[in-house]
Amino acid sequence: MKKKLLTIILLVGFAYSSQAQVLFSTAQTLKKGGWSIGLNPVYADNSGEDFALFFHGGYGLSGSSDLGLKLGYGWGDPYVGLDFEKTLLAGKPSLSLFGGAHYWHDFGLDVGTKITFPIGNVRITTGLDLDVNFGEDANNDLEIYTPLWLPISLEIYLKKQFSLVFEGNIKLTDHAFTTVGGGINIYF
């Protein structure tokens, strides 16, 4: 029964995945002094290049918060992002807020919320992910656009410090684009 449920969750996550910035994390922040790394290939229904590769790392701060760094390449340009996440509710479920900045084609600010439901060695996470991007229109005038996504992710801990993660992002605005990916997270 557990294997069937896990298979259904994975398939639904991939089937409903859509456009979004890549989160690949839960609402549970890293413990103070703890750190993590991960590697995640991502498919996007976005222009001519379909695949990108993301490396991400995190470092736990005090007060149930952490910093995250994401580096990626694909979809035509490199991606660099930095975020701060704060846990508001720890337990079952966990709830956090995050904010940060990134550069990919244009400079942007990130803000969002995540809620994680732990079930044994599995973490199911969803939330909202909003970017406020500052670009230029065809006349070189400032254009502000705001892609918004509904991320859905599944993290399966194979060991205490090692997990597989799968994520899809559902497009909620016209400026967003569909993504689906998977990979690994390692915790120290």
N, C-alpha and C. Protein backbone atom coordinates (compact mmCIF):
# COMPACT_ATOMS: atom_id res chain seq x y z
N MET A 1 0.82 -1.19 0.00
CA MET A 1 0.00 0.00 0.00
C MET A 1 0.87 1.27 0.00
N LYS A 2 1.93 1.27 0.83
CA LYS A 2 2.80 2.44 0.90
C LYS A 2 3.50 2.68 -0.44
N LYS A 3 3.93 1.60 -1.10
CA LYS A 3 4.59 1.74 -2.39
C LYS A 3 3.63 2.30 -3.44
N LYS A 4 2.39 1.85 -3.42
CA LYS A 4 1.39 2.36 -4.37
C LYS A 4 1.12 3.84 -4.13
N LEU A 5 0.97 4.22 -2.86
CA LEU A 5 0.73 5.62 -2.51
C LEU A 5 1.90 6.49 -2.95
N LEU A 6 3.11 6.05 -2.70
CA LEU A 6 4.30 6.80 -3.10
C LEU A 6 4.37 6.94 -4.62
N THR A 7 4.08 5.87 -5.34
CA THR A 7 4.07 5.92 -6.80
C THR A 7 3.03 6.90 -7.32
N ILE A 8 1.84 6.88 -6.75
CA ILE A 8 0.78 7.81 -7.16
C ILE A 8 1.20 9.25 -6.90
N ILE A 9 1.77 9.51 -5.73
CA ILE A 9 2.21 10.87 -5.40
C ILE A 9 3.26 11.35 -6.40
N LEU A 10 4.23 10.49 -6.73
CA LEU A 10 5.26 10.86 -7.71
C LEU A 10 4.65 11.18 -9.06
N LEU A 11 3.76 10.33 -9.54
CA LEU A 11 3.14 10.55 -10.84
C LEU A 11 2.30 11.81 -10.86
N VAL A 12 1.54 12.04 -9.81
CA VAL A 12 0.72 13.26 -9.75
C VAL A 12 1.63 14.49 -9.72
N GLY A 13 2.72 14.41 -8.96
CA GLY A 13 3.65 15.54 -8.91
C GLY A 13 4.20 15.88 -10.28
N PHE A 14 4.59 14.86 -11.05
CA PHE A 14 5.10 15.11 -12.39
C PHE A 14 4.00 15.54 -13.34
N ALA A 15 2.84 14.95 -13.26
CA ALA A 15 1.75 15.28 -14.18
C ALA A 15 1.27 16.71 -14.00
N TYR A 16 1.24 17.18 -12.77
CA TYR A 16 0.72 18.52 -12.52
C TYR A 16 1.81 19.57 -12.42
N SER A 17 3.05 19.20 -12.69
CA SER A 17 4.12 20.17 -12.60
C SER A 17 4.00 21.19 -13.71
N SER A 18 4.42 22.40 -13.40
CA SER A 18 4.31 23.46 -14.37
C SER A 18 5.41 24.47 -14.14
N GLN A 19 5.09 25.74 -14.39
CA GLN A 19 6.09 26.77 -14.44
C GLN A 19 6.41 27.35 -13.08
N ALA A 20 7.69 27.41 -12.77
CA ALA A 20 8.06 28.06 -11.53
C ALA A 20 9.55 28.13 -11.34
N GLN A 21 9.93 28.98 -10.42
CA GLN A 21 11.30 29.00 -9.98
C GLN A 21 11.53 27.71 -9.22
N VAL A 22 12.73 27.25 -9.19
CA VAL A 22 13.03 25.97 -8.56
C VAL A 22 13.33 26.18 -7.08
N LEU A 23 12.61 25.50 -6.21
CA LEU A 23 12.82 25.64 -4.77
C LEU A 23 13.69 24.51 -4.22
N PHE A 24 13.32 23.26 -4.46
CA PHE A 24 14.03 22.07 -3.97
C PHE A 24 14.39 22.15 -2.50
N SER A 25 13.42 22.56 -1.70
CA SER A 25 13.61 22.55 -0.25
C SER A 25 12.24 22.49 0.42
N THR A 26 12.25 22.24 1.72
CA THR A 26 11.01 22.14 2.48
C THR A 26 10.85 23.37 3.36
N ALA A 27 9.76 23.40 4.14
CA ALA A 27 9.53 24.49 5.09
C ALA A 27 10.37 24.31 6.35
N GLN A 28 11.06 23.19 6.46
CA GLN A 28 11.91 22.94 7.61
C GLN A 28 13.29 23.50 7.34
N THR A 29 13.73 24.44 8.15
CA THR A 29 15.03 25.06 7.95
C THR A 29 16.13 24.20 8.56
N LEU A 30 17.36 24.47 8.13
CA LEU A 30 18.52 23.74 8.64
C LEU A 30 18.82 24.16 10.07
N LYS A 31 19.32 23.23 10.87
CA LYS A 31 19.73 23.55 12.23
C LYS A 31 20.94 24.48 12.20
N LYS A 32 21.11 25.26 13.26
CA LYS A 32 22.23 26.19 13.35
C LYS A 32 23.55 25.45 13.11
N GLY A 33 24.33 25.95 12.15
CA GLY A 33 25.62 25.36 11.82
C GLY A 33 25.54 24.21 10.83
N GLY A 34 24.33 23.72 10.56
CA GLY A 34 24.17 22.64 9.59
C GLY A 34 24.20 23.19 8.17
N TRP A 35 24.54 22.33 7.24
CA TRP A 35 24.55 22.78 5.86
C TRP A 35 24.11 21.66 4.94
N SER A 36 23.76 22.04 3.71
CA SER A 36 23.28 21.07 2.74
C SER A 36 23.78 21.44 1.35
N ILE A 37 23.83 20.42 0.49
CA ILE A 37 24.12 20.65 -0.93
C ILE A 37 23.16 19.78 -1.74
N GLY A 38 22.93 20.19 -2.96
CA GLY A 38 22.05 19.41 -3.82
C GLY A 38 22.35 19.66 -5.28
N LEU A 39 21.93 18.73 -6.10
CA LEU A 39 22.11 18.82 -7.54
C LEU A 39 20.80 18.38 -8.18
N ASN A 40 20.25 19.23 -9.08
CA ASN A 40 18.94 18.96 -9.63
C ASN A 40 18.84 19.38 -11.09
N PRO A 41 18.72 18.41 -12.01
CA PRO A 41 18.38 18.76 -13.39
C PRO A 41 16.89 19.12 -13.45
N VAL A 42 16.56 20.11 -14.29
CA VAL A 42 15.19 20.61 -14.37
C VAL A 42 14.79 20.77 -15.83
N TYR A 43 13.59 20.31 -16.16
CA TYR A 43 13.00 20.51 -17.48
C TYR A 43 12.05 21.70 -17.39
N ALA A 44 12.07 22.54 -18.43
CA ALA A 44 11.14 23.67 -18.49
C ALA A 44 10.54 23.78 -19.88
N ASP A 45 9.29 24.10 -19.91
CA ASP A 45 8.60 24.38 -21.17
C ASP A 45 8.81 25.87 -21.44
N ASN A 46 10.05 26.21 -21.85
CA ASN A 46 10.47 27.61 -21.92
C ASN A 46 11.39 27.82 -23.11
N SER A 47 10.95 28.53 -24.08
CA SER A 47 11.70 28.89 -25.29
C SER A 47 12.39 27.68 -25.92
N GLY A 48 13.61 27.87 -26.44
CA GLY A 48 14.29 26.82 -27.18
C GLY A 48 15.05 25.81 -26.34
N GLU A 49 15.53 26.22 -25.16
CA GLU A 49 16.30 25.31 -24.32
C GLU A 49 15.39 24.72 -23.26
N ASP A 50 15.33 23.41 -23.21
CA ASP A 50 14.39 22.75 -22.31
C ASP A 50 14.98 22.41 -20.94
N PHE A 51 16.28 22.16 -20.86
CA PHE A 51 16.87 21.65 -19.62
C PHE A 51 17.85 22.64 -19.00
N ALA A 52 17.91 22.59 -17.67
CA ALA A 52 18.88 23.36 -16.90
C ALA A 52 19.39 22.46 -15.77
N LEU A 53 20.53 22.80 -15.23
CA LEU A 53 21.10 22.08 -14.11
C LEU A 53 21.34 23.05 -12.97
N PHE A 54 20.83 22.72 -11.79
CA PHE A 54 20.97 23.59 -10.62
C PHE A 54 21.79 22.91 -9.54
N PHE A 55 22.70 23.69 -8.95
CA PHE A 55 23.43 23.31 -7.75
C PHE A 55 22.93 24.23 -6.66
N HIS A 56 22.63 23.70 -5.50
CA HIS A 56 22.19 24.57 -4.42
C HIS A 56 22.82 24.15 -3.11
N GLY A 57 22.97 25.12 -2.24
CA GLY A 57 23.53 24.88 -0.92
C GLY A 57 22.79 25.70 0.11
N GLY A 58 22.86 25.26 1.34
CA GLY A 58 22.21 25.98 2.42
C GLY A 58 23.06 25.95 3.67
N TYR A 59 22.84 26.94 4.54
CA TYR A 59 23.55 27.02 5.81
C TYR A 59 22.58 27.45 6.89
N GLY A 60 22.51 26.67 7.98
CA GLY A 60 21.60 26.96 9.08
C GLY A 60 22.08 28.09 9.97
N LEU A 61 21.19 29.04 10.23
CA LEU A 61 21.46 30.16 11.13
C LEU A 61 20.70 29.94 12.44
N SER A 62 20.86 30.83 13.39
CA SER A 62 20.11 30.70 14.64
C SER A 62 18.67 31.16 14.42
N GLY A 63 17.81 30.82 15.36
CA GLY A 63 16.43 31.29 15.31
C GLY A 63 15.59 30.63 14.24
N SER A 64 15.82 29.35 13.97
CA SER A 64 15.04 28.59 12.97
C SER A 64 15.04 29.26 11.61
N SER A 65 16.22 29.62 11.14
CA SER A 65 16.33 30.28 9.83
C SER A 65 17.57 29.74 9.11
N ASP A 66 17.60 29.92 7.80
CA ASP A 66 18.77 29.53 7.03
C ASP A 66 18.94 30.39 5.80
N LEU A 67 20.13 30.31 5.21
CA LEU A 67 20.45 30.98 3.96
C LEU A 67 20.61 29.93 2.88
N GLY A 68 20.14 30.24 1.69
CA GLY A 68 20.28 29.32 0.57
C GLY A 68 20.90 30.01 -0.63
N LEU A 69 21.74 29.28 -1.36
CA LEU A 69 22.38 29.76 -2.58
C LEU A 69 22.04 28.79 -3.69
N LYS A 70 21.60 29.31 -4.84
CA LYS A 70 21.30 28.48 -6.00
C LYS A 70 22.09 28.98 -7.19
N LEU A 71 22.77 28.06 -7.86
CA LEU A 71 23.50 28.36 -9.08
C LEU A 71 22.98 27.42 -10.15
N GLY A 72 22.68 27.96 -11.31
CA GLY A 72 22.16 27.11 -12.37
C GLY A 72 22.63 27.56 -13.73
N TYR A 73 22.56 26.63 -14.67
CA TYR A 73 22.85 26.99 -16.04
C TYR A 73 21.92 26.22 -16.96
N GLY A 74 21.41 26.95 -17.92
CA GLY A 74 20.50 26.40 -18.90
C GLY A 74 19.47 27.46 -19.23
N TRP A 75 18.54 27.13 -20.09
CA TRP A 75 17.48 28.07 -20.47
C TRP A 75 18.06 29.37 -21.00
N GLY A 76 19.27 29.32 -21.57
CA GLY A 76 19.85 30.47 -22.23
C GLY A 76 20.79 31.34 -21.42
N ASP A 77 20.72 31.31 -20.10
CA ASP A 77 21.54 32.17 -19.25
C ASP A 77 21.85 31.50 -17.93
N PRO A 78 22.95 31.92 -17.27
CA PRO A 78 23.20 31.41 -15.92
C PRO A 78 22.19 31.99 -14.93
N TYR A 79 21.96 31.25 -13.86
CA TYR A 79 21.06 31.67 -12.78
C TYR A 79 21.85 31.74 -11.50
N VAL A 80 21.68 32.83 -10.74
CA VAL A 80 22.28 32.98 -9.41
C VAL A 80 21.20 33.50 -8.48
N GLY A 81 21.01 32.84 -7.36
CA GLY A 81 20.00 33.28 -6.41
C GLY A 81 20.45 33.07 -4.98
N LEU A 82 20.01 33.95 -4.10
CA LEU A 82 20.30 33.88 -2.67
C LEU A 82 19.00 34.14 -1.93
N ASP A 83 18.71 33.31 -0.90
CA ASP A 83 17.47 33.53 -0.15
C ASP A 83 17.67 33.31 1.34
N PHE A 84 16.77 33.90 2.11
CA PHE A 84 16.70 33.76 3.55
C PHE A 84 15.35 33.12 3.86
N GLU A 85 15.35 32.09 4.69
CA GLU A 85 14.11 31.41 5.05
C GLU A 85 13.97 31.35 6.57
N LYS A 86 12.75 31.58 7.04
CA LYS A 86 12.45 31.58 8.48
C LYS A 86 11.28 30.65 8.74
N THR A 87 11.46 29.69 9.63
CA THR A 87 10.37 28.80 10.02
C THR A 87 9.45 29.54 10.98
N LEU A 88 8.15 29.54 10.66
CA LEU A 88 7.15 30.16 11.53
C LEU A 88 6.47 29.12 12.42
N LEU A 89 6.32 27.90 11.90
CA LEU A 89 5.67 26.82 12.62
C LEU A 89 6.47 25.55 12.37
N ALA A 90 7.02 24.98 13.44
CA ALA A 90 7.79 23.74 13.31
C ALA A 90 6.92 22.58 13.77
N GLY A 91 6.99 21.48 13.11
CA GLY A 91 6.22 20.30 13.51
C GLY A 91 5.52 19.68 12.33
N LYS A 92 4.29 19.24 12.57
CA LYS A 92 3.51 18.54 11.55
C LYS A 92 2.19 19.27 11.36
N PRO A 93 2.05 20.15 10.43
CA PRO A 93 3.00 20.53 9.38
C PRO A 93 3.97 21.62 9.84
N SER A 94 4.96 21.92 8.98
CA SER A 94 5.89 23.03 9.17
C SER A 94 5.52 24.12 8.18
N LEU A 95 5.69 25.37 8.60
CA LEU A 95 5.36 26.52 7.77
C LEU A 95 6.52 27.51 7.80
N SER A 96 6.94 28.01 6.64
CA SER A 96 8.02 28.99 6.60
C SER A 96 7.74 30.07 5.58
N LEU A 97 8.44 31.19 5.73
CA LEU A 97 8.45 32.29 4.77
C LEU A 97 9.86 32.43 4.24
N PHE A 98 9.99 32.85 2.97
CA PHE A 98 11.32 33.08 2.43
C PHE A 98 11.31 34.34 1.57
N GLY A 99 12.49 34.92 1.44
CA GLY A 99 12.68 36.10 0.60
C GLY A 99 14.11 36.12 0.12
N GLY A 100 14.34 36.73 -1.02
CA GLY A 100 15.69 36.78 -1.55
C GLY A 100 15.76 37.55 -2.85
N ALA A 101 16.84 37.31 -3.58
CA ALA A 101 17.07 37.98 -4.85
C ALA A 101 17.74 37.00 -5.80
N HIS A 102 17.58 37.24 -7.10
CA HIS A 102 18.18 36.39 -8.10
C HIS A 102 18.50 37.19 -9.36
N TYR A 103 19.35 36.59 -10.19
CA TYR A 103 19.58 37.13 -11.53
C TYR A 103 19.49 35.99 -12.52
N TRP A 104 18.58 36.12 -13.46
CA TRP A 104 18.43 35.22 -14.60
C TRP A 104 17.70 36.02 -15.66
N HIS A 105 18.36 36.41 -16.69
CA HIS A 105 17.89 37.35 -17.72
C HIS A 105 17.74 38.75 -17.14
N ASP A 106 17.03 38.88 -16.03
CA ASP A 106 16.79 40.15 -15.35
C ASP A 106 17.01 39.96 -13.86
N PHE A 107 17.22 41.09 -13.15
CA PHE A 107 17.30 41.05 -11.69
C PHE A 107 15.89 40.88 -11.14
N GLY A 108 15.75 40.10 -10.06
CA GLY A 108 14.45 39.92 -9.45
C GLY A 108 14.52 39.69 -7.96
N LEU A 109 13.42 39.99 -7.31
CA LEU A 109 13.25 39.71 -5.89
C LEU A 109 12.32 38.52 -5.75
N ASP A 110 12.55 37.70 -4.73
CA ASP A 110 11.75 36.51 -4.49
C ASP A 110 11.08 36.61 -3.13
N VAL A 111 9.84 36.17 -3.06
CA VAL A 111 9.14 36.08 -1.78
C VAL A 111 8.16 34.92 -1.87
N GLY A 112 7.96 34.24 -0.76
CA GLY A 112 7.02 33.13 -0.81
C GLY A 112 6.84 32.47 0.54
N THR A 113 6.02 31.44 0.52
CA THR A 113 5.76 30.65 1.70
C THR A 113 5.74 29.18 1.32
N LYS A 114 6.12 28.34 2.29
CA LYS A 114 6.11 26.89 2.07
C LYS A 114 5.46 26.21 3.27
N ILE A 115 4.73 25.15 2.99
CA ILE A 115 4.18 24.31 4.04
C ILE A 115 4.57 22.87 3.72
N THR A 116 5.08 22.18 4.73
CA THR A 116 5.57 20.81 4.56
C THR A 116 4.80 19.87 5.48
N PHE A 117 4.39 18.74 4.89
CA PHE A 117 3.71 17.69 5.63
C PHE A 117 4.63 16.47 5.70
N PRO A 118 5.23 16.19 6.87
CA PRO A 118 6.09 15.01 6.99
C PRO A 118 5.25 13.76 7.23
N ILE A 119 5.56 12.71 6.46
CA ILE A 119 4.91 11.41 6.63
C ILE A 119 6.02 10.36 6.63
N GLY A 120 6.44 9.94 7.81
CA GLY A 120 7.56 9.00 7.91
C GLY A 120 8.82 9.63 7.33
N ASN A 121 9.44 8.96 6.36
CA ASN A 121 10.67 9.48 5.75
C ASN A 121 10.39 10.32 4.50
N VAL A 122 9.14 10.73 4.30
CA VAL A 122 8.73 11.52 3.13
C VAL A 122 8.28 12.91 3.58
N ARG A 123 8.64 13.92 2.80
CA ARG A 123 8.18 15.30 3.04
C ARG A 123 7.46 15.77 1.79
N ILE A 124 6.19 16.15 1.94
CA ILE A 124 5.40 16.72 0.84
C ILE A 124 5.29 18.21 1.11
N THR A 125 5.71 19.02 0.14
CA THR A 125 5.77 20.47 0.33
C THR A 125 5.03 21.18 -0.79
N THR A 126 4.33 22.24 -0.43
CA THR A 126 3.69 23.12 -1.40
C THR A 126 3.76 24.54 -0.84
N GLY A 127 3.21 25.49 -1.55
CA GLY A 127 3.23 26.88 -1.10
C GLY A 127 2.97 27.82 -2.25
N LEU A 128 3.54 29.01 -2.16
CA LEU A 128 3.48 30.00 -3.24
C LEU A 128 4.87 30.59 -3.42
N ASP A 129 5.24 30.86 -4.66
CA ASP A 129 6.55 31.43 -5.00
C ASP A 129 6.32 32.59 -5.96
N LEU A 130 6.59 33.80 -5.51
CA LEU A 130 6.38 35.01 -6.31
C LEU A 130 7.72 35.68 -6.60
N ASP A 131 7.95 36.02 -7.85
CA ASP A 131 9.11 36.82 -8.24
C ASP A 131 8.61 38.20 -8.65
N VAL A 132 9.37 39.21 -8.32
CA VAL A 132 9.16 40.57 -8.84
C VAL A 132 10.41 40.88 -9.64
N ASN A 133 10.29 40.81 -10.97
CA ASN A 133 11.44 40.96 -11.86
C ASN A 133 11.46 42.34 -12.50
N PHE A 134 12.67 42.87 -12.67
CA PHE A 134 12.86 44.20 -13.24
C PHE A 134 13.61 44.07 -14.56
N GLY A 135 12.89 44.20 -15.66
CA GLY A 135 13.48 44.06 -16.98
C GLY A 135 13.27 45.29 -17.83
N GLU A 136 13.48 45.15 -19.13
CA GLU A 136 13.26 46.23 -20.08
C GLU A 136 12.30 45.75 -21.15
N ASP A 137 11.40 46.65 -21.57
CA ASP A 137 10.50 46.30 -22.66
C ASP A 137 11.19 46.58 -24.00
N ALA A 138 10.46 46.48 -25.10
CA ALA A 138 11.02 46.67 -26.45
C ALA A 138 11.57 48.07 -26.66
N ASN A 139 11.11 49.06 -25.88
CA ASN A 139 11.58 50.45 -25.98
C ASN A 139 12.67 50.77 -24.97
N ASN A 140 13.22 49.75 -24.32
CA ASN A 140 14.23 49.91 -23.27
C ASN A 140 13.72 50.66 -22.05
N ASP A 141 12.41 50.65 -21.83
CA ASP A 141 11.82 51.22 -20.63
C ASP A 141 11.69 50.13 -19.57
N LEU A 142 11.67 50.56 -18.32
CA LEU A 142 11.55 49.61 -17.22
C LEU A 142 10.25 48.82 -17.33
N GLU A 143 10.37 47.51 -17.22
CA GLU A 143 9.20 46.64 -17.19
C GLU A 143 9.30 45.78 -15.94
N ILE A 144 8.27 45.86 -15.12
CA ILE A 144 8.20 45.03 -13.92
C ILE A 144 7.17 43.94 -14.18
N TYR A 145 7.58 42.69 -14.00
CA TYR A 145 6.66 41.58 -14.20
C TYR A 145 6.76 40.61 -13.03
N THR A 146 5.67 39.91 -12.75
CA THR A 146 5.56 39.13 -11.53
C THR A 146 5.07 37.70 -11.79
N PRO A 147 5.98 36.79 -12.14
CA PRO A 147 5.57 35.40 -12.25
C PRO A 147 5.24 34.81 -10.87
N LEU A 148 4.20 34.00 -10.83
CA LEU A 148 3.76 33.36 -9.59
C LEU A 148 3.52 31.88 -9.87
N TRP A 149 4.01 31.04 -8.95
CA TRP A 149 3.89 29.60 -9.11
C TRP A 149 3.35 28.93 -7.86
N LEU A 150 2.83 27.73 -8.06
CA LEU A 150 2.44 26.83 -6.98
C LEU A 150 3.39 25.64 -7.05
N PRO A 151 4.43 25.62 -6.21
CA PRO A 151 5.35 24.48 -6.22
C PRO A 151 4.75 23.29 -5.48
N ILE A 152 5.04 22.11 -5.99
CA ILE A 152 4.66 20.86 -5.32
C ILE A 152 5.89 19.97 -5.35
N SER A 153 6.38 19.59 -4.17
CA SER A 153 7.58 18.77 -4.15
C SER A 153 7.42 17.58 -3.20
N LEU A 154 8.23 16.60 -3.48
CA LEU A 154 8.26 15.37 -2.71
C LEU A 154 9.72 15.06 -2.43
N GLU A 155 10.07 14.97 -1.14
CA GLU A 155 11.43 14.63 -0.75
C GLU A 155 11.39 13.30 0.01
N ILE A 156 12.17 12.35 -0.44
CA ILE A 156 12.20 11.01 0.15
C ILE A 156 13.57 10.79 0.76
N TYR A 157 13.61 10.67 2.08
CA TYR A 157 14.88 10.43 2.78
C TYR A 157 15.24 8.95 2.70
N LEU A 158 16.33 8.65 2.00
CA LEU A 158 16.82 7.28 1.94
C LEU A 158 17.69 6.97 3.14
N LYS A 159 18.35 8.01 3.66
CA LYS A 159 19.12 7.96 4.90
C LYS A 159 18.91 9.31 5.58
N LYS A 160 19.36 9.45 6.81
CA LYS A 160 19.15 10.70 7.55
C LYS A 160 19.75 11.90 6.82
N GLN A 161 20.90 11.70 6.15
CA GLN A 161 21.58 12.82 5.48
C GLN A 161 21.46 12.78 3.97
N PHE A 162 20.63 11.92 3.40
CA PHE A 162 20.56 11.80 1.94
C PHE A 162 19.11 11.62 1.50
N SER A 163 18.69 12.44 0.53
CA SER A 163 17.32 12.33 0.05
C SER A 163 17.25 12.51 -1.46
N LEU A 164 16.19 11.94 -2.02
CA LEU A 164 15.81 12.19 -3.41
C LEU A 164 14.70 13.22 -3.36
N VAL A 165 14.72 14.16 -4.31
CA VAL A 165 13.69 15.20 -4.32
C VAL A 165 13.13 15.33 -5.74
N PHE A 166 11.82 15.50 -5.83
CA PHE A 166 11.12 15.68 -7.09
C PHE A 166 10.24 16.91 -6.93
N GLU A 167 10.21 17.77 -7.96
CA GLU A 167 9.43 19.00 -7.84
C GLU A 167 8.82 19.39 -9.17
N GLY A 168 7.60 19.85 -9.10
CA GLY A 168 6.92 20.46 -10.22
C GLY A 168 6.38 21.80 -9.78
N ASN A 169 6.25 22.72 -10.70
CA ASN A 169 5.78 24.06 -10.38
C ASN A 169 4.66 24.44 -11.32
N ILE A 170 3.52 24.75 -10.76
CA ILE A 170 2.33 25.05 -11.54
C ILE A 170 2.24 26.55 -11.78
N LYS A 171 2.15 26.91 -13.02
CA LYS A 171 2.06 28.30 -13.46
C LYS A 171 0.74 28.92 -12.97
N LEU A 172 0.84 30.08 -12.30
CA LEU A 172 -0.34 30.80 -11.85
C LEU A 172 -0.51 32.15 -12.55
N THR A 173 0.53 32.63 -13.23
CA THR A 173 0.44 33.87 -14.01
C THR A 173 1.06 33.65 -15.38
N ASP A 174 0.78 34.56 -16.31
CA ASP A 174 1.28 34.44 -17.68
C ASP A 174 2.80 34.54 -17.78
N HIS A 175 3.44 35.22 -16.84
CA HIS A 175 4.90 35.40 -16.90
C HIS A 175 5.68 34.20 -16.39
N ALA A 176 4.99 33.21 -15.83
CA ALA A 176 5.65 32.02 -15.31
C ALA A 176 5.82 31.00 -16.45
N PHE A 177 6.60 29.95 -16.21
CA PHE A 177 6.78 28.87 -17.18
C PHE A 177 6.87 27.54 -16.45
N THR A 178 6.48 26.48 -17.10
CA THR A 178 6.38 25.16 -16.50
C THR A 178 7.75 24.55 -16.22
N THR A 179 7.92 23.98 -15.03
CA THR A 179 9.15 23.22 -14.73
C THR A 179 8.81 21.93 -14.01
N VAL A 180 9.68 20.96 -14.19
CA VAL A 180 9.63 19.71 -13.43
C VAL A 180 11.06 19.21 -13.31
N GLY A 181 11.40 18.71 -12.14
CA GLY A 181 12.77 18.25 -11.96
C GLY A 181 12.89 17.27 -10.82
N GLY A 182 14.08 16.78 -10.65
CA GLY A 182 14.37 15.85 -9.58
C GLY A 182 15.86 15.88 -9.32
N GLY A 183 16.26 15.27 -8.22
CA GLY A 183 17.69 15.25 -7.92
C GLY A 183 17.94 14.74 -6.53
N ILE A 184 19.06 15.18 -5.97
CA ILE A 184 19.48 14.72 -4.65
C ILE A 184 19.76 15.90 -3.73
N ASN A 185 19.56 15.69 -2.43
CA ASN A 185 19.97 16.61 -1.39
C ASN A 185 20.83 15.83 -0.40
N ILE A 186 21.93 16.44 0.05
CA ILE A 186 22.79 15.85 1.06
C ILE A 186 22.91 16.84 2.21
N TYR A 187 22.70 16.34 3.43
CA TYR A 187 22.69 17.19 4.63
C TYR A 187 23.88 16.86 5.52
N PHE A 188 24.51 17.90 6.09
CA PHE A 188 25.66 17.73 6.97
C PHE A 188 25.41 18.41 8.29
